[in-house]
PDB file of N, CA and C in Angstrom:
ATOM      1  N   MET A   1     150.356  54.807 155.799  1.00  0.00           N
ATOM      2  CA  MET A   1     150.295  54.374 157.242  1.00  0.00           C
ATOM      3  C   MET A   1     148.629  53.943 157.089  1.00  0.00           C
ATOM      4  N   SER A   2     148.823  52.635 157.771  1.00  0.00           N
ATOM      5  CA  SER A   2     147.733  51.421 157.870  1.00  0.00           C
ATOM      6  C   SER A   2     146.551  52.028 158.960  1.00  0.00           C
ATOM      7  N   ALA A   3     145.801  52.391 159.246  1.00  0.00           N
ATOM      8  CA  ALA A   3     144.774  52.345 160.290  1.00  0.00           C
ATOM      9  C   ALA A   3     144.338  50.836 160.932  1.00  0.00           C
ATOM     10  N   GLY A   4     144.660  49.902 160.317  1.00  0.00           N
ATOM     11  CA  GLY A   4     144.151  48.957 160.666  1.00  0.00           C
ATOM     12  C   GLY A   4     144.951  48.086 162.473  1.00  0.00           C
ATOM     13  N   ILE A   5     143.966  47.522 163.073  1.00  0.00           N
ATOM     14  CA  ILE A   5     144.172  47.240 164.662  1.00  0.00           C
ATOM     15  C   ILE A   5     144.987  46.095 164.204  1.00  0.00           C
ATOM     16  N   VAL A   6     145.980  46.296 165.148  1.00  0.00           N
ATOM     17  CA  VAL A   6     147.264  45.623 165.624  1.00  0.00           C
ATOM     18  C   VAL A   6     147.413  44.990 167.006  1.00  0.00           C
ATOM     19  N   LYS A   7     146.873  43.682 166.936  1.00  0.00           N
ATOM     20  CA  LYS A   7     147.334  42.812 168.536  1.00  0.00           C
ATOM     21  C   LYS A   7     148.686  42.156 169.512  1.00  0.00           C
ATOM     22  N   ARG A   8     149.015  43.359 170.217  1.00  0.00           N
ATOM     23  CA  ARG A   8     150.208  42.665 170.442  1.00  0.00           C
ATOM     24  C   ARG A   8     150.381  41.847 172.252  1.00  0.00           C
ATOM     25  N   SER A   9     151.004  41.019 172.425  1.00  0.00           N
ATOM     26  CA  SER A   9     151.385  40.335 173.464  1.00  0.00           C
ATOM     27  C   SER A   9     152.335  41.267 174.301  1.00  0.00           C
ATOM     28  N   VAL A  10     151.550  42.039 175.761  1.00  0.00           N
ATOM     29  CA  VAL A  10     153.202  42.059 176.588  1.00  0.00           C
ATOM     30  C   VAL A  10     152.779  41.583 177.898  1.00  0.00           C
ATOM     31  N   ALA A  11     153.483  42.057 178.694  1.00  0.00           N
ATOM     32  CA  ALA A  11     153.528  41.151 180.178  1.00  0.00           C
ATOM     33  C   ALA A  11     153.764  42.978 180.635  1.00  0.00           C
ATOM     34  N   ILE A  12     152.764  42.621 181.955  1.00  0.00           N
ATOM     35  CA  ILE A  12     152.547  43.900 182.701  1.00  0.00           C
ATOM     36  C   ILE A  12     152.533  43.020 183.972  1.00  0.00           C
ATOM     37  N   ALA A  13     153.209  43.373 185.032  1.00  0.00           N
ATOM     38  CA  ALA A  13     153.521  43.562 186.304  1.00  0.00           C
ATOM     39  C   ALA A  13     153.565  41.519 186.582  1.00  0.00           C
ATOM     40  N   GLY A  14     154.677  41.446 185.774  1.00  0.00           N
ATOM     41  CA  GLY A  14     154.506  39.575 185.322  1.00  0.00           C
ATOM     42  C   GLY A  14     153.675  39.072 184.620  1.00  0.00           C
ATOM     43  N   HIS A  15     152.344  39.482 184.340  1.00  0.00           N
ATOM     44  CA  HIS A  15     151.203  38.211 183.721  1.00  0.00           C
ATOM     45  C   HIS A  15     151.041  39.408 182.102  1.00  0.00           C
ATOM     46  N   ARG A  16     151.053  38.424 181.424  1.00  0.00           N
ATOM     47  CA  ARG A  16     150.761  38.361 179.696  1.00  0.00           C
ATOM     48  C   ARG A  16     149.374  38.570 179.147  1.00  0.00           C
ATOM     49  N   THR A  17     149.424  39.630 178.410  1.00  0.00           N
ATOM     50  CA  THR A  17     148.005  40.270 178.251  1.00  0.00           C
ATOM     51  C   THR A  17     148.541  40.623 176.780  1.00  0.00           C
ATOM     52  N   SER A  18     147.248  40.563 175.900  1.00  0.00           N
ATOM     53  CA  SER A  18     146.997  41.671 174.666  1.00  0.00           C
ATOM     54  C   SER A  18     146.397  42.906 174.390  1.00  0.00           C
ATOM     55  N   VAL A  19     147.364  43.729 173.718  1.00  0.00           N
ATOM     56  CA  VAL A  19     146.813  44.589 173.645  1.00  0.00           C
ATOM     57  C   VAL A  19     146.461  45.623 172.381  1.00  0.00           C
ATOM     58  N   SER A  20     145.135  45.781 171.859  1.00  0.00           N
ATOM     59  CA  SER A  20     145.114  46.154 170.492  1.00  0.00           C
ATOM     60  C   SER A  20     144.828  47.178 169.790  1.00  0.00           C
ATOM     61  N   LEU A  21     145.739  48.075 169.412  1.00  0.00           N
ATOM     62  CA  LEU A  21     145.831  49.350 168.793  1.00  0.00           C
ATOM     63  C   LEU A  21     145.743  49.374 167.412  1.00  0.00           C
ATOM     64  N   GLU A  22     145.495  51.137 166.933  1.00  0.00           N
ATOM     65  CA  GLU A  22     145.797  51.038 165.578  1.00  0.00           C
ATOM     66  C   GLU A  22     146.781  51.156 165.325  1.00  0.00           C
ATOM     67  N   GLU A  23     147.208  50.689 163.731  1.00  0.00           N
ATOM     68  CA  GLU A  23     148.858  50.878 163.791  1.00  0.00           C
ATOM     69  C   GLU A  23     149.463  52.089 163.964  1.00  0.00           C
ATOM     70  N   PRO A  24     148.688  53.530 163.886  1.00  0.00           N
ATOM     71  CA  PRO A  24     149.440  54.781 163.805  1.00  0.00           C
ATOM     72  C   PRO A  24     149.860  54.625 165.398  1.00  0.00           C
ATOM     73  N   PHE A  25     148.783  54.246 166.536  1.00  0.00           N
ATOM     74  CA  PHE A  25     149.153  54.306 168.142  1.00  0.00           C
ATOM     75  C   PHE A  25     150.260  53.703 168.395  1.00  0.00           C
ATOM     76  N   TRP A  26     150.348  52.233 167.737  1.00  0.00           N
ATOM     77  CA  TRP A  26     151.779  51.256 168.180  1.00  0.00           C
ATOM     78  C   TRP A  26     152.799  52.147 167.883  1.00  0.00           C
ATOM     79  N   GLU A  27     152.957  52.950 166.553  1.00  0.00           N
ATOM     80  CA  GLU A  27     154.185  53.848 165.984  1.00  0.00           C
ATOM     81  C   GLU A  27     154.195  55.196 166.733  1.00  0.00           C
ATOM     82  N   VAL A  28     153.650  55.614 167.025  1.00  0.00           N
ATOM     83  CA  VAL A  28     154.070  57.093 168.095  1.00  0.00           C
ATOM     84  C   VAL A  28     154.052  56.397 169.566  1.00  0.00           C
ATOM     85  N   LEU A  29     153.437  55.302 170.143  1.00  0.00           N
ATOM     86  CA  LEU A  29     154.056  54.764 171.530  1.00  0.00           C
ATOM     87  C   LEU A  29     155.403  53.960 171.668  1.00  0.00           C
ATOM     88  N   ARG A  30     156.043  54.109 170.148  1.00  0.00           N
ATOM     89  CA  ARG A  30     157.323  53.483 170.125  1.00  0.00           C
ATOM     90  C   ARG A  30     157.855  55.079 170.508  1.00  0.00           C
ATOM     91  N   GLU A  31     157.935  55.959 169.495  1.00  0.00           N
ATOM     92  CA  GLU A  31     158.893  56.700 169.764  1.00  0.00           C
ATOM     93  C   GLU A  31     158.185  57.357 171.078  1.00  0.00           C
ATOM     94  N   ILE A  32     157.497  57.620 171.835  1.00  0.00           N
ATOM     95  CA  ILE A  32     157.393  58.013 173.289  1.00  0.00           C
ATOM     96  C   ILE A  32     158.381  57.613 173.571  1.00  0.00           C
ATOM     97  N   ALA A  33     158.320  55.684 174.072  1.00  0.00           N
ATOM     98  CA  ALA A  33     158.960  55.049 174.399  1.00  0.00           C
ATOM     99  C   ALA A  33     160.917  55.607 174.068  1.00  0.00           C
ATOM    100  N   ASP A  34     160.938  55.338 172.869  1.00  0.00           N
ATOM    101  CA  ASP A  34     162.422  55.842 172.579  1.00  0.00           C
ATOM    102  C   ASP A  34     163.146  57.018 173.084  1.00  0.00           C
ATOM    103  N   ARG A  35     162.229  58.214 172.945  1.00  0.00           N
ATOM    104  CA  ARG A  35     162.611  59.601 173.485  1.00  0.00           C
ATOM    105  C   ARG A  35     162.698  59.179 175.317  1.00  0.00           C
ATOM    106  N   ARG A  36     162.225  58.069 175.636  1.00  0.00           N
ATOM    107  CA  ARG A  36     162.500  58.534 176.913  1.00  0.00           C
ATOM    108  C   ARG A  36     163.073  57.145 177.747  1.00  0.00           C
ATOM    109  N   SER A  37     163.833  56.446 176.801  1.00  0.00           N
ATOM    110  CA  SER A  37     164.693  55.588 176.753  1.00  0.00           C
ATOM    111  C   SER A  37     163.835  54.458 177.267  1.00  0.00           C
ATOM    112  N   LEU A  38     162.780  53.834 177.237  1.00  0.00           N
ATOM    113  CA  LEU A  38     162.212  52.847 177.690  1.00  0.00           C
ATOM    114  C   LEU A  38     161.487  52.032 176.726  1.00  0.00           C
ATOM    115  N   SER A  39     161.275  50.508 176.991  1.00  0.00           N
ATOM    116  CA  SER A  39     161.142  49.588 175.936  1.00  0.00           C
ATOM    117  C   SER A  39     159.443  50.245 176.193  1.00  0.00           C
ATOM    118  N   VAL A  40     158.809  49.904 174.876  1.00  0.00           N
ATOM    119  CA  VAL A  40     157.414  50.078 174.508  1.00  0.00           C
ATOM    120  C   VAL A  40     156.509  48.999 176.023  1.00  0.00           C
ATOM    121  N   GLN A  41     156.893  47.912 176.270  1.00  0.00           N
ATOM    122  CA  GLN A  41     156.443  47.195 177.024  1.00  0.00           C
ATOM    123  C   GLN A  41     156.458  48.043 178.354  1.00  0.00           C
ATOM    124  N   ALA A  42     158.065  48.740 179.063  1.00  0.00           N
ATOM    125  CA  ALA A  42     157.470  49.735 180.171  1.00  0.00           C
ATOM    126  C   ALA A  42     157.049  50.313 180.357  1.00  0.00           C
ATOM    127  N   LEU A  43     156.459  51.080 179.433  1.00  0.00           N
ATOM    128  CA  LEU A  43     155.873  52.326 179.062  1.00  0.00           C
ATOM    129  C   LEU A  43     154.766  51.561 179.072  1.00  0.00           C
ATOM    130  N   ILE A  44     154.038  50.894 178.577  1.00  0.00           N
ATOM    131  CA  ILE A  44     152.671  50.439 178.589  1.00  0.00           C
ATOM    132  C   ILE A  44     152.530  50.140 180.281  1.00  0.00           C
ATOM    133  N   GLY A  45     153.487  49.647 180.720  1.00  0.00           N
ATOM    134  CA  GLY A  45     153.323  49.142 182.448  1.00  0.00           C
ATOM    135  C   GLY A  45     152.869  50.506 183.300  1.00  0.00           C
ATOM    136  N   ARG A  46     153.657  51.588 182.892  1.00  0.00           N
ATOM    137  CA  ARG A  46     153.603  52.962 183.037  1.00  0.00           C
ATOM    138  C   ARG A  46     151.987  53.499 183.502  1.00  0.00           C
ATOM    139  N   ILE A  47     151.926  53.076 182.254  1.00  0.00           N
ATOM    140  CA  ILE A  47     150.293  53.217 181.429  1.00  0.00           C
ATOM    141  C   ILE A  47     149.252  52.628 182.684  1.00  0.00           C
ATOM    142  N   ASP A  48     149.860  51.510 182.738  1.00  0.00           N
ATOM    143  CA  ASP A  48     148.729  50.449 183.328  1.00  0.00           C
ATOM    144  C   ASP A  48     148.649  50.897 184.829  1.00  0.00           C
ATOM    145  N   ALA A  49     149.441  51.272 185.463  1.00  0.00           N
ATOM    146  CA  ALA A  49     149.508  51.519 186.382  1.00  0.00           C
ATOM    147  C   ALA A  49     148.952  52.845 186.852  1.00  0.00           C
ATOM    148  N   GLU A  50     148.779  53.612 185.741  1.00  0.00           N
ATOM    149  CA  GLU A  50     148.008  55.286 186.186  1.00  0.00           C
ATOM    150  C   GLU A  50     146.863  55.084 185.757  1.00  0.00           C
ATOM    151  N   ARG A  51     146.135  53.854 185.068  1.00  0.00           N
ATOM    152  CA  ARG A  51     144.884  54.233 184.195  1.00  0.00           C
ATOM    153  C   ARG A  51     143.746  53.981 185.125  1.00  0.00           C
ATOM    154  N   GLY A  52     143.572  53.130 186.163  1.00  0.00           N
ATOM    155  CA  GLY A  52     142.476  53.323 187.171  1.00  0.00           C
ATOM    156  C   GLY A  52     141.668  52.441 186.854  1.00  0.00           C
ATOM    157  N   GLU A  53     140.027  52.243 186.308  1.00  0.00           N
ATOM    158  CA  GLU A  53     139.001  51.677 186.133  1.00  0.00           C
ATOM    159  C   GLU A  53     138.959  51.674 184.295  1.00  0.00           C
ATOM    160  N   GLN A  54     140.247  52.504 183.692  1.00  0.00           N
ATOM    161  CA  GLN A  54     140.073  52.978 182.200  1.00  0.00           C
ATOM    162  C   GLN A  54     140.349  51.387 181.464  1.00  0.00           C
ATOM    163  N   ASN A  55     139.846  51.043 180.365  1.00  0.00           N
ATOM    164  CA  ASN A  55     140.147  50.343 179.882  1.00  0.00           C
ATOM    165  C   ASN A  55     141.927  50.198 179.270  1.00  0.00           C
ATOM    166  N   LEU A  56     142.638  49.792 179.152  1.00  0.00           N
ATOM    167  CA  LEU A  56     143.938  49.831 178.995  1.00  0.00           C
ATOM    168  C   LEU A  56     143.969  50.122 177.767  1.00  0.00           C
ATOM    169  N   SER A  57     143.444  49.547 176.397  1.00  0.00           N
ATOM    170  CA  SER A  57     143.602  50.042 174.733  1.00  0.00           C
ATOM    171  C   SER A  57     143.426  51.603 175.029  1.00  0.00           C
ATOM    172  N   SER A  58     142.034  51.663 175.778  1.00  0.00           N
ATOM    173  CA  SER A  58     141.674  53.416 175.650  1.00  0.00           C
ATOM    174  C   SER A  58     142.415  54.241 176.307  1.00  0.00           C
ATOM    175  N   ALA A  59     143.520  53.947 177.300  1.00  0.00           N
ATOM    176  CA  ALA A  59     144.169  54.722 178.240  1.00  0.00           C
ATOM    177  C   ALA A  59     145.481  55.227 177.526  1.00  0.00           C
ATOM    178  N   ILE A  60     146.068  53.822 176.492  1.00  0.00           N
ATOM    179  CA  ILE A  60     147.453  54.181 175.881  1.00  0.00           C
ATOM    180  C   ILE A  60     146.799  54.925 174.625  1.00  0.00           C
ATOM    181  N   ARG A  61     145.424  54.840 174.376  1.00  0.00           N
ATOM    182  CA  ARG A  61     145.240  55.889 173.140  1.00  0.00           C
ATOM    183  C   ARG A  61     145.392  57.202 173.972  1.00  0.00           C
ATOM    184  N   VAL A  62     144.351  57.724 175.105  1.00  0.00           N
ATOM    185  CA  VAL A  62     144.578  58.608 175.865  1.00  0.00           C
ATOM    186  C   VAL A  62     146.203  59.418 175.907  1.00  0.00           C
ATOM    187  N   TYR A  63     146.820  58.620 176.315  1.00  0.00           N
ATOM    188  CA  TYR A  63     148.428  58.588 176.777  1.00  0.00           C
ATOM    189  C   TYR A  63     148.818  59.420 175.135  1.00  0.00           C
ATOM    190  N   VAL A  64     148.758  58.672 174.399  1.00  0.00           N
ATOM    191  CA  VAL A  64     149.792  58.718 173.086  1.00  0.00           C
ATOM    192  C   VAL A  64     148.634  60.469 172.800  1.00  0.00           C
ATOM    193  N   LEU A  65     147.495  60.229 172.608  1.00  0.00           N
ATOM    194  CA  LEU A  65     146.776  61.681 172.560  1.00  0.00           C
ATOM    195  C   LEU A  65     147.075  62.978 173.411  1.00  0.00           C
ATOM    196  N   GLY A  66     147.393  62.814 174.368  1.00  0.00           N
ATOM    197  CA  GLY A  66     147.959  63.680 175.577  1.00  0.00           C
ATOM    198  C   GLY A  66     149.191  64.087 175.102  1.00  0.00           C
ATOM    199  N   SER A  67     150.336  63.102 175.083  1.00  0.00           N
ATOM    200  CA  SER A  67     151.645  63.387 174.566  1.00  0.00           C
ATOM    201  C   SER A  67     152.284  64.058 173.283  1.00  0.00           C
ATOM    202  N   LEU A  68     151.188  63.959 172.704  1.00  0.00           N
ATOM    203  CA  LEU A  68     151.039  64.683 171.104  1.00  0.00           C
ATOM    204  C   LEU A  68     150.607  65.573 171.271  1.00  0.00           C
ATOM    205  N   ARG A  69     149.671  66.149 172.236  1.00  0.00           N
ATOM    206  CA  ARG A  69     148.699  67.623 172.657  1.00  0.00           C
ATOM    207  C   ARG A  69     150.222  68.305 173.749  1.00  0.00           C
ATOM    208  N   ALA A  70     150.649  67.526 174.125  1.00  0.00           N
ATOM    209  CA  ALA A  70     151.737  68.595 175.280  1.00  0.00           C
ATOM    210  C   ALA A  70     153.091  68.549 174.401  1.00  0.00           C
ATOM    211  N   ALA A  71     153.573  68.023 173.267  1.00  0.00           N
ATOM    212  CA  ALA A  71     154.804  68.308 172.250  1.00  0.00           C
ATOM    213  C   ALA A  71     154.143  69.620 171.352  1.00  0.00           C
ATOM    214  N   ALA A  72     152.907  69.341 170.984  1.00  0.00           N
ATOM    215  CA  ALA A  72     152.192  70.540 170.070  1.00  0.00           C
ATOM    216  C   ALA A  72     152.366  71.691 170.571  1.00  0.00           C
ATOM    217  N   ASP A  73     152.217  71.858 172.127  1.00  0.00           N
ATOM    218  CA  ASP A  73     152.114  72.849 172.984  1.00  0.00           C
ATOM    219  C   ASP A  73     153.134  73.300 173.158  1.00  0.00           C
ATOM    220  N   THR A  74     154.344  72.765 172.930  1.00  0.00           N
ATOM    221  CA  THR A  74     155.782  73.501 173.364  1.00  0.00           C
ATOM    222  C   THR A  74     156.224  73.959 171.881  1.00  0.00           C
ATOM    223  N   GLU A  75     155.721  73.604 170.684  1.00  0.00           N
ATOM    224  CA  GLU A  75     155.872  74.190 169.582  1.00  0.00           C
ATOM    225  C   GLU A  75     156.122  75.655 169.185  1.00  0.00           C
ATOM    226  N   PRO A  76     157.280  76.253 168.800  1.00  0.00           N
ATOM    227  CA  PRO A  76     157.180  77.399 168.206  1.00  0.00           C
ATOM    228  C   PRO A  76     155.751  78.122 167.426  1.00  0.00           C
ATOM    229  N   SER A  77     155.458  79.240 168.035  1.00  0.00           N
ATOM    230  CA  SER A  77     154.247  79.281 167.017  1.00  0.00           C
ATOM    231  C   SER A  77     154.905  80.498 165.943  1.00  0.00           C
TER     232      SER A  77
END
């Protein structure tokens, strides 16, 4: 798994923008979107709508981290 930065173009609220994330974040973001029956673009749109003043790439990383933490908290000990 490469940790290099990957830049992808997405449309959010009808506007094109690019998002730069490390490949592992893109991979987990795809997994989360699949589990929720969403496209990655739709999930990014939801994250964007809730991010406030935070940078979009940072908001996505925090969202992915929060999702992983929540999943870890529900795993049996």
